[in-house]
Each structure stands twice: as C-alpha cells, then as structure tokens.
Amino acid sequence: MKIVLIYLLIINAASLLVMVIDKGLAKKGSFRVPESSLFMLAILGGSVGSIVGMYLVRHKTKHVSFTLGMPLILLAQMILIYFLFLRK
C-alpha cells in the first residue's frame, strides 16, 4: 500500500507540473503537450494533479472534455481504489 501512495504522489506531481508547463507553452505560442498525453497522465493516476493544475493556472478549463473528463477519471479511480484496497 505504501508503494501505491508514493506512486500516486509522484504521478500527481508530474501531472500538475505538465499542466503548468503546457500553459506556459500556450502563452508563448510554442509547441504544446498533446491533449492525449495530458489525459494519459490522468488515467495513469494523476487525475488530482491534473485537476489542480487546470484550475491553478486556468488551463483547459473551457474544454468540456477536460472539465468533465478529468473528474470522471478521478471518480473511476476512486471506485477502483475502493474495490482493490478498501472493500472488505
């Protein structure tokens, strides 16, 4: 269980960082992080970091795929964690 918590901490920090970096790239008009990569980080466990990053730097908040998709990914992950680790 401890390794899972460490993994989640790292993947969420990475997701947050990538959101912040992509917002900076967007402001500069530079090459961007693909949306599929942002979603993949969330699916791999970084949904909390992605959501925090979205609202911290106001990035992708006008995209319905992100404002609905990220919370749905988080909900699915919470259900998965419940069934894998918390259900008796």
PDB file of N, CA and C in Angstrom:
ATOM      1  N   MET A   1       0.835  -1.202   0.000  1.00  0.00           N
ATOM      2  CA  MET A   1       0.000   0.000   0.000  1.00  0.00           C
ATOM      3  C   MET A   1       0.874   1.258   0.000  1.00  0.00           C
ATOM      4  N   LYS A   2       1.989   1.228   0.720  1.00  0.00           N
ATOM      5  CA  LYS A   2       2.874   2.388   0.784  1.00  0.00           C
ATOM      6  C   LYS A   2       3.423   2.733  -0.598  1.00  0.00           C
ATOM      7  N   ILE A   3       3.774   1.727  -1.377  1.00  0.00           N
ATOM      8  CA  ILE A   3       4.314   1.970  -2.722  1.00  0.00           C
ATOM      9  C   ILE A   3       3.254   2.618  -3.618  1.00  0.00           C
ATOM     10  N   VAL A   4       1.998   2.245  -3.423  1.00  0.00           N
ATOM     11  CA  VAL A   4       0.898   2.840  -4.204  1.00  0.00           C
ATOM     12  C   VAL A   4       0.772   4.325  -3.872  1.00  0.00           C
ATOM     13  N   LEU A   5       0.864   4.654  -2.599  1.00  0.00           N
ATOM     14  CA  LEU A   5       0.757   6.065  -2.192  1.00  0.00           C
ATOM     15  C   LEU A   5       1.924   6.883  -2.735  1.00  0.00           C
ATOM     16  N   ILE A   6       3.117   6.318  -2.709  1.00  0.00           N
ATOM     17  CA  ILE A   6       4.290   7.010  -3.275  1.00  0.00           C
ATOM     18  C   ILE A   6       4.108   7.211  -4.770  1.00  0.00           C
ATOM     19  N   TYR A   7       3.643   6.163  -5.460  1.00  0.00           N
ATOM     20  CA  TYR A   7       3.386   6.277  -6.901  1.00  0.00           C
ATOM     21  C   TYR A   7       2.375   7.386  -7.184  1.00  0.00           C
ATOM     22  N   LEU A   8       1.273   7.401  -6.437  1.00  0.00           N
ATOM     23  CA  LEU A   8       0.234   8.415  -6.662  1.00  0.00           C
ATOM     24  C   LEU A   8       0.755   9.825  -6.403  1.00  0.00           C
ATOM     25  N   LEU A   9       1.584   9.981  -5.402  1.00  0.00           N
ATOM     26  CA  LEU A   9       2.176  11.286  -5.123  1.00  0.00           C
ATOM     27  C   LEU A   9       3.042  11.746  -6.295  1.00  0.00           C
ATOM     28  N   ILE A  10       3.862  10.849  -6.826  1.00  0.00           N
ATOM     29  CA  ILE A  10       4.763  11.193  -7.933  1.00  0.00           C
ATOM     30  C   ILE A  10       3.982  11.490  -9.213  1.00  0.00           C
ATOM     31  N   ILE A  11       3.020  10.641  -9.564  1.00  0.00           N
ATOM     32  CA  ILE A  11       2.275  10.833 -10.817  1.00  0.00           C
ATOM     33  C   ILE A  11       1.403  12.087 -10.755  1.00  0.00           C
ATOM     34  N   ASN A  12       0.884  12.412  -9.583  1.00  0.00           N
ATOM     35  CA  ASN A  12       0.081  13.628  -9.461  1.00  0.00           C
ATOM     36  C   ASN A  12       0.938  14.875  -9.516  1.00  0.00           C
ATOM     37  N   ALA A  13       2.128  14.814  -8.926  1.00  0.00           N
ATOM     38  CA  ALA A  13       3.060  15.946  -9.029  1.00  0.00           C
ATOM     39  C   ALA A  13       3.468  16.154 -10.481  1.00  0.00           C
ATOM     40  N   ALA A  14       3.725  15.047 -11.186  1.00  0.00           N
ATOM     41  CA  ALA A  14       4.098  15.142 -12.602  1.00  0.00           C
ATOM     42  C   ALA A  14       2.948  15.713 -13.429  1.00  0.00           C
ATOM     43  N   SER A  15       1.729  15.272 -13.168  1.00  0.00           N
ATOM     44  CA  SER A  15       0.560  15.771 -13.902  1.00  0.00           C
ATOM     45  C   SER A  15       0.365  17.267 -13.687  1.00  0.00           C
ATOM     46  N   LEU A  16       0.505  17.698 -12.456  1.00  0.00           N
ATOM     47  CA  LEU A  16       0.401  19.123 -12.141  1.00  0.00           C
ATOM     48  C   LEU A  16       1.481  19.906 -12.873  1.00  0.00           C
ATOM     49  N   LEU A  17       2.698  19.425 -12.829  1.00  0.00           N
ATOM     50  CA  LEU A  17       3.816  20.102 -13.475  1.00  0.00           C
ATOM     51  C   LEU A  17       3.614  20.194 -14.987  1.00  0.00           C
ATOM     52  N   VAL A  18       3.151  19.131 -15.604  1.00  0.00           N
ATOM     53  CA  VAL A  18       2.936  19.143 -17.055  1.00  0.00           C
ATOM     54  C   VAL A  18       1.833  20.119 -17.431  1.00  0.00           C
ATOM     55  N   MET A  19       0.783  20.206 -16.622  1.00  0.00           N
ATOM     56  CA  MET A  19      -0.276  21.195 -16.885  1.00  0.00           C
ATOM     57  C   MET A  19       0.285  22.611 -16.830  1.00  0.00           C
ATOM     58  N   VAL A  20       1.100  22.892 -15.825  1.00  0.00           N
ATOM     59  CA  VAL A  20       1.695  24.223 -15.681  1.00  0.00           C
ATOM     60  C   VAL A  20       2.632  24.519 -16.850  1.00  0.00           C
ATOM     61  N   ILE A  21       3.440  23.530 -17.230  1.00  0.00           N
ATOM     62  CA  ILE A  21       4.360  23.708 -18.359  1.00  0.00           C
ATOM     63  C   ILE A  21       3.582  23.951 -19.645  1.00  0.00           C
ATOM     64  N   ASP A  22       2.523  23.168 -19.879  1.00  0.00           N
ATOM     65  CA  ASP A  22       1.743  23.328 -21.109  1.00  0.00           C
ATOM     66  C   ASP A  22       1.075  24.691 -21.166  1.00  0.00           C
ATOM     67  N   LYS A  23       0.626  25.198 -20.029  1.00  0.00           N
ATOM     68  CA  LYS A  23       0.035  26.549 -20.004  1.00  0.00           C
ATOM     69  C   LYS A  23       1.089  27.585 -20.396  1.00  0.00           C
ATOM     70  N   GLY A  24       2.304  27.428 -19.872  1.00  0.00           N
ATOM     71  CA  GLY A  24       3.390  28.344 -20.235  1.00  0.00           C
ATOM     72  C   GLY A  24       3.705  28.275 -21.723  1.00  0.00           C
ATOM     73  N   LEU A  25       3.704  27.073 -22.266  1.00  0.00           N
ATOM     74  CA  LEU A  25       3.955  26.909 -23.703  1.00  0.00           C
ATOM     75  C   LEU A  25       2.833  27.545 -24.518  1.00  0.00           C
ATOM     76  N   ALA A  26       1.608  27.421 -24.041  1.00  0.00           N
ATOM     77  CA  ALA A  26       0.461  28.016 -24.745  1.00  0.00           C
ATOM     78  C   ALA A  26       0.580  29.532 -24.794  1.00  0.00           C
ATOM     79  N   LYS A  27       1.010  30.119 -23.688  1.00  0.00           N
ATOM     80  CA  LYS A  27       1.166  31.576 -23.648  1.00  0.00           C
ATOM     81  C   LYS A  27       2.229  32.058 -24.625  1.00  0.00           C
ATOM     82  N   LYS A  28       3.271  31.242 -24.814  1.00  0.00           N
ATOM     83  CA  LYS A  28       4.364  31.607 -25.717  1.00  0.00           C
ATOM     84  C   LYS A  28       4.057  31.265 -27.175  1.00  0.00           C
ATOM     85  N   GLY A  29       3.006  30.504 -27.392  1.00  0.00           N
ATOM     86  CA  GLY A  29       2.691  30.069 -28.748  1.00  0.00           C
ATOM     87  C   GLY A  29       3.633  28.981 -29.238  1.00  0.00           C
ATOM     88  N   SER A  30       4.237  28.265 -28.315  1.00  0.00           N
ATOM     89  CA  SER A  30       5.207  27.225 -28.643  1.00  0.00           C
ATOM     90  C   SER A  30       4.533  25.892 -28.911  1.00  0.00           C
ATOM     91  N   PHE A  31       5.348  24.906 -29.244  1.00  0.00           N
ATOM     92  CA  PHE A  31       4.911  23.525 -29.384  1.00  0.00           C
ATOM     93  C   PHE A  31       4.283  23.086 -28.070  1.00  0.00           C
ATOM     94  N   ARG A  32       3.147  22.392 -28.138  1.00  0.00           N
ATOM     95  CA  ARG A  32       2.359  22.060 -26.950  1.00  0.00           C
ATOM     96  C   ARG A  32       2.431  20.587 -26.596  1.00  0.00           C
ATOM     97  N   VAL A  33       2.076  20.299 -25.369  1.00  0.00           N
ATOM     98  CA  VAL A  33       1.923  18.922 -24.922  1.00  0.00           C
ATOM     99  C   VAL A  33       0.605  18.417 -25.514  1.00  0.00           C
ATOM    100  N   PRO A  34       0.620  17.269 -26.197  1.00  0.00           N
ATOM    101  CA  PRO A  34      -0.638  16.759 -26.766  1.00  0.00           C
ATOM    102  C   PRO A  34      -1.690  16.504 -25.683  1.00  0.00           C
ATOM    103  N   GLU A  35      -2.945  16.778 -26.021  1.00  0.00           N
ATOM    104  CA  GLU A  35      -4.029  16.540 -25.070  1.00  0.00           C
ATOM    105  C   GLU A  35      -4.083  15.074 -24.668  1.00  0.00           C
ATOM    106  N   SER A  36      -3.759  14.187 -25.595  1.00  0.00           N
ATOM    107  CA  SER A  36      -3.758  12.759 -25.268  1.00  0.00           C
ATOM    108  C   SER A  36      -2.747  12.445 -24.167  1.00  0.00           C
ATOM    109  N   SER A  37      -1.640  13.154 -24.142  1.00  0.00           N
ATOM    110  CA  SER A  37      -0.638  12.947 -23.083  1.00  0.00           C
ATOM    111  C   SER A  37      -1.151  13.452 -21.739  1.00  0.00           C
ATOM    112  N   LEU A  38      -1.870  14.567 -21.758  1.00  0.00           N
ATOM    113  CA  LEU A  38      -2.447  15.101 -20.524  1.00  0.00           C
ATOM    114  C   LEU A  38      -3.472  14.115 -19.955  1.00  0.00           C
ATOM    115  N   PHE A  39      -4.293  13.547 -20.831  1.00  0.00           N
ATOM    116  CA  PHE A  39      -5.271  12.562 -20.381  1.00  0.00           C
ATOM    117  C   PHE A  39      -4.593  11.278 -19.919  1.00  0.00           C
ATOM    118  N   MET A  40      -3.528  10.863 -20.587  1.00  0.00           N
ATOM    119  CA  MET A  40      -2.837   9.635 -20.199  1.00  0.00           C
ATOM    120  C   MET A  40      -2.240   9.766 -18.795  1.00  0.00           C
ATOM    121  N   LEU A  41      -1.664  10.915 -18.492  1.00  0.00           N
ATOM    122  CA  LEU A  41      -1.146  11.137 -17.142  1.00  0.00           C
ATOM    123  C   LEU A  41      -2.269  11.025 -16.110  1.00  0.00           C
ATOM    124  N   ALA A  42      -3.418  11.575 -16.423  1.00  0.00           N
ATOM    125  CA  ALA A  42      -4.563  11.483 -15.513  1.00  0.00           C
ATOM    126  C   ALA A  42      -5.016  10.036 -15.352  1.00  0.00           C
ATOM    127  N   ILE A  43      -5.112   9.311 -16.457  1.00  0.00           N
ATOM    128  CA  ILE A  43      -5.552   7.915 -16.417  1.00  0.00           C
ATOM    129  C   ILE A  43      -4.578   7.049 -15.632  1.00  0.00           C
ATOM    130  N   LEU A  44      -3.303   7.367 -15.723  1.00  0.00           N
ATOM    131  CA  LEU A  44      -2.286   6.593 -15.003  1.00  0.00           C
ATOM    132  C   LEU A  44      -2.250   6.909 -13.511  1.00  0.00           C
ATOM    133  N   GLY A  45      -3.166   7.747 -13.045  1.00  0.00           N
ATOM    134  CA  GLY A  45      -3.278   8.021 -11.621  1.00  0.00           C
ATOM    135  C   GLY A  45      -3.088   9.475 -11.248  1.00  0.00           C
ATOM    136  N   GLY A  46      -2.834  10.333 -12.221  1.00  0.00           N
ATOM    137  CA  GLY A  46      -2.563  11.729 -11.927  1.00  0.00           C
ATOM    138  C   GLY A  46      -3.739  12.659 -12.093  1.00  0.00           C
ATOM    139  N   SER A  47      -4.935  12.153 -11.906  1.00  0.00           N
ATOM    140  CA  SER A  47      -6.122  12.980 -12.131  1.00  0.00           C
ATOM    141  C   SER A  47      -6.230  14.142 -11.146  1.00  0.00           C
ATOM    142  N   VAL A  48      -5.865  13.937  -9.905  1.00  0.00           N
ATOM    143  CA  VAL A  48      -5.937  15.026  -8.921  1.00  0.00           C
ATOM    144  C   VAL A  48      -4.965  16.137  -9.311  1.00  0.00           C
ATOM    145  N   GLY A  49      -3.738  15.766  -9.662  1.00  0.00           N
ATOM    146  CA  GLY A  49      -2.750  16.755 -10.092  1.00  0.00           C
ATOM    147  C   GLY A  49      -3.186  17.498 -11.338  1.00  0.00           C
ATOM    148  N   SER A  50      -3.825  16.777 -12.256  1.00  0.00           N
ATOM    149  CA  SER A  50      -4.316  17.404 -13.486  1.00  0.00           C
ATOM    150  C   SER A  50      -5.414  18.417 -13.181  1.00  0.00           C
ATOM    151  N   ILE A  51      -6.336  18.037 -12.310  1.00  0.00           N
ATOM    152  CA  ILE A  51      -7.442  18.940 -11.955  1.00  0.00           C
ATOM    153  C   ILE A  51      -6.909  20.168 -11.218  1.00  0.00           C
ATOM    154  N   VAL A  52      -6.012  19.953 -10.277  1.00  0.00           N
ATOM    155  CA  VAL A  52      -5.423  21.086  -9.555  1.00  0.00           C
ATOM    156  C   VAL A  52      -4.695  21.997 -10.533  1.00  0.00           C
ATOM    157  N   GLY A  53      -3.923  21.417 -11.449  1.00  0.00           N
ATOM    158  CA  GLY A  53      -3.203  22.204 -12.444  1.00  0.00           C
ATOM    159  C   GLY A  53      -4.131  22.989 -13.354  1.00  0.00           C
ATOM    160  N   MET A  54      -5.231  22.356 -13.754  1.00  0.00           N
ATOM    161  CA  MET A  54      -6.203  23.035 -14.618  1.00  0.00           C
ATOM    162  C   MET A  54      -6.689  24.327 -13.979  1.00  0.00           C
ATOM    163  N   TYR A  55      -7.063  24.245 -12.723  1.00  0.00           N
ATOM    164  CA  TYR A  55      -7.665  25.407 -12.072  1.00  0.00           C
ATOM    165  C   TYR A  55      -6.636  26.350 -11.459  1.00  0.00           C
ATOM    166  N   LEU A  56      -5.469  25.832 -11.130  1.00  0.00           N
ATOM    167  CA  LEU A  56      -4.412  26.678 -10.582  1.00  0.00           C
ATOM    168  C   LEU A  56      -3.936  27.703 -11.606  1.00  0.00           C
ATOM    169  N   VAL A  57      -3.744  27.244 -12.848  1.00  0.00           N
ATOM    170  CA  VAL A  57      -3.242  28.143 -13.897  1.00  0.00           C
ATOM    171  C   VAL A  57      -4.289  28.426 -14.980  1.00  0.00           C
ATOM    172  N   ARG A  58      -5.532  28.032 -14.704  1.00  0.00           N
ATOM    173  CA  ARG A  58      -6.647  28.235 -15.650  1.00  0.00           C
ATOM    174  C   ARG A  58      -6.312  27.712 -17.042  1.00  0.00           C
ATOM    175  N   HIS A  59      -5.974  26.422 -17.070  1.00  0.00           N
ATOM    176  CA  HIS A  59      -5.582  25.786 -18.323  1.00  0.00           C
ATOM    177  C   HIS A  59      -6.574  24.695 -18.676  1.00  0.00           C
ATOM    178  N   LYS A  60      -7.134  24.762 -19.863  1.00  0.00           N
ATOM    179  CA  LYS A  60      -8.097  23.798 -20.393  1.00  0.00           C
ATOM    180  C   LYS A  60      -9.444  23.850 -19.677  1.00  0.00           C
ATOM    181  N   THR A  61      -9.710  24.904 -18.956  1.00  0.00           N
ATOM    182  CA  THR A  61     -10.963  24.995 -18.204  1.00  0.00           C
ATOM    183  C   THR A  61     -12.168  25.328 -19.085  1.00  0.00           C
ATOM    184  N   LYS A  62     -11.937  25.703 -20.318  1.00  0.00           N
ATOM    185  CA  LYS A  62     -13.045  25.964 -21.240  1.00  0.00           C
ATOM    186  C   LYS A  62     -13.306  24.768 -22.155  1.00  0.00           C
ATOM    187  N   HIS A  63     -12.532  23.707 -21.970  1.00  0.00           N
ATOM    188  CA  HIS A  63     -12.690  22.497 -22.777  1.00  0.00           C
ATOM    189  C   HIS A  63     -13.549  21.499 -22.002  1.00  0.00           C
ATOM    190  N   VAL A  64     -14.730  21.210 -22.531  1.00  0.00           N
ATOM    191  CA  VAL A  64     -15.646  20.291 -21.864  1.00  0.00           C
ATOM    192  C   VAL A  64     -14.994  18.926 -21.674  1.00  0.00           C
ATOM    193  N   SER A  65     -14.182  18.505 -22.632  1.00  0.00           N
ATOM    194  CA  SER A  65     -13.526  17.202 -22.496  1.00  0.00           C
ATOM    195  C   SER A  65     -12.644  17.147 -21.261  1.00  0.00           C
ATOM    196  N   PHE A  66     -12.106  18.275 -20.839  1.00  0.00           N
ATOM    197  CA  PHE A  66     -11.274  18.324 -19.637  1.00  0.00           C
ATOM    198  C   PHE A  66     -12.101  18.577 -18.379  1.00  0.00           C
ATOM    199  N   THR A  67     -13.049  19.529 -18.445  1.00  0.00           N
ATOM    200  CA  THR A  67     -13.813  19.857 -17.241  1.00  0.00           C
ATOM    201  C   THR A  67     -14.743  18.724 -16.814  1.00  0.00           C
ATOM    202  N   LEU A  68     -15.157  17.887 -17.742  1.00  0.00           N
ATOM    203  CA  LEU A  68     -15.945  16.708 -17.399  1.00  0.00           C
ATOM    204  C   LEU A  68     -15.078  15.456 -17.333  1.00  0.00           C
ATOM    205  N   GLY A  69     -14.138  15.358 -18.264  1.00  0.00           N
ATOM    206  CA  GLY A  69     -13.312  14.154 -18.373  1.00  0.00           C
ATOM    207  C   GLY A  69     -12.420  13.904 -17.173  1.00  0.00           C
ATOM    208  N   MET A  70     -11.742  14.932 -16.704  1.00  0.00           N
ATOM    209  CA  MET A  70     -10.829  14.749 -15.570  1.00  0.00           C
ATOM    210  C   MET A  70     -11.566  14.327 -14.299  1.00  0.00           C
ATOM    211  N   PRO A  71     -12.682  14.980 -13.940  1.00  0.00           N
ATOM    212  CA  PRO A  71     -13.418  14.500 -12.758  1.00  0.00           C
ATOM    213  C   PRO A  71     -13.969  13.079 -12.935  1.00  0.00           C
ATOM    214  N   LEU A  72     -14.375  12.719 -14.147  1.00  0.00           N
ATOM    215  CA  LEU A  72     -14.859  11.353 -14.378  1.00  0.00           C
ATOM    216  C   LEU A  72     -13.736  10.333 -14.222  1.00  0.00           C
ATOM    217  N   ILE A  73     -12.548  10.684 -14.684  1.00  0.00           N
ATOM    218  CA  ILE A  73     -11.389   9.808 -14.497  1.00  0.00           C
ATOM    219  C   ILE A  73     -11.115   9.649 -13.000  1.00  0.00           C
ATOM    220  N   LEU A  74     -11.157  10.756 -12.261  1.00  0.00           N
ATOM    221  CA  LEU A  74     -10.938  10.703 -10.815  1.00  0.00           C
ATOM    222  C   LEU A  74     -11.985   9.819 -10.145  1.00  0.00           C
ATOM    223  N   LEU A  75     -13.229   9.968 -10.519  1.00  0.00           N
ATOM    224  CA  LEU A  75     -14.301   9.147  -9.946  1.00  0.00           C
ATOM    225  C   LEU A  75     -14.046   7.663 -10.219  1.00  0.00           C
ATOM    226  N   ALA A  76     -13.684   7.334 -11.443  1.00  0.00           N
ATOM    227  CA  ALA A  76     -13.385   5.940 -11.794  1.00  0.00           C
ATOM    228  C   ALA A  76     -12.213   5.408 -10.967  1.00  0.00           C
ATOM    229  N   GLN A  77     -11.210   6.244 -10.750  1.00  0.00           N
ATOM    230  CA  GLN A  77     -10.061   5.832  -9.952  1.00  0.00           C
ATOM    231  C   GLN A  77     -10.450   5.619  -8.492  1.00  0.00           C
ATOM    232  N   MET A  78     -11.311   6.465  -7.971  1.00  0.00           N
ATOM    233  CA  MET A  78     -11.758   6.310  -6.585  1.00  0.00           C
ATOM    234  C   MET A  78     -12.541   5.006  -6.418  1.00  0.00           C
ATOM    235  N   ILE A  79     -13.364   4.683  -7.387  1.00  0.00           N
ATOM    236  CA  ILE A  79     -14.116   3.427  -7.345  1.00  0.00           C
ATOM    237  C   ILE A  79     -13.156   2.243  -7.429  1.00  0.00           C
ATOM    238  N   LEU A  80     -12.177   2.323  -8.293  1.00  0.00           N
ATOM    239  CA  LEU A  80     -11.176   1.263  -8.431  1.00  0.00           C
ATOM    240  C   LEU A  80     -10.398   1.067  -7.129  1.00  0.00           C
ATOM    241  N   ILE A  81      -9.970   2.162  -6.516  1.00  0.00           N
ATOM    242  CA  ILE A  81      -9.240   2.073  -5.241  1.00  0.00           C
ATOM    243  C   ILE A  81     -10.113   1.437  -4.162  1.00  0.00           C
ATOM    244  N   TYR A  82     -11.374   1.805  -4.146  1.00  0.00           N
ATOM    245  CA  TYR A  82     -12.283   1.212  -3.175  1.00  0.00           C
ATOM    246  C   TYR A  82     -12.340  -0.300  -3.346  1.00  0.00           C
ATOM    247  N   PHE A  83     -12.547  -0.763  -4.567  1.00  0.00           N
ATOM    248  CA  PHE A  83     -12.692  -2.194  -4.792  1.00  0.00           C
ATOM    249  C   PHE A  83     -11.379  -2.958  -4.631  1.00  0.00           C
ATOM    250  N   LEU A  84     -10.255  -2.316  -4.923  1.00  0.00           N
ATOM    251  CA  LEU A  84      -8.973  -3.006  -4.811  1.00  0.00           C
ATOM    252  C   LEU A  84      -8.411  -3.013  -3.386  1.00  0.00           C
ATOM    253  N   PHE A  85      -8.620  -1.922  -2.652  1.00  0.00           N
ATOM    254  CA  PHE A  85      -7.922  -1.778  -1.384  1.00  0.00           C
ATOM    255  C   PHE A  85      -8.805  -1.597  -0.149  1.00  0.00           C
ATOM    256  N   LEU A  86      -9.981  -1.067  -0.297  1.00  0.00           N
ATOM    257  CA  LEU A  86     -10.762  -0.681   0.872  1.00  0.00           C
ATOM    258  C   LEU A  86     -11.955  -1.587   1.179  1.00  0.00           C
ATOM    259  N   ARG A  87     -12.444  -2.267   0.179  1.00  0.00           N
ATOM    260  CA  ARG A  87     -13.612  -3.126   0.379  1.00  0.00           C
ATOM    261  C   ARG A  87     -13.216  -4.364   1.168  1.00  0.00           C
ATOM    262  N   LYS A  88     -14.065  -4.729   2.097  1.00  0.00           N
ATOM    263  CA  LYS A  88     -13.749  -5.906   2.929  1.00  0.00           C
ATOM    264  C   LYS A  88     -14.532  -7.104   2.511  1.00  0.00           C
TER     265      LYS A  88
END
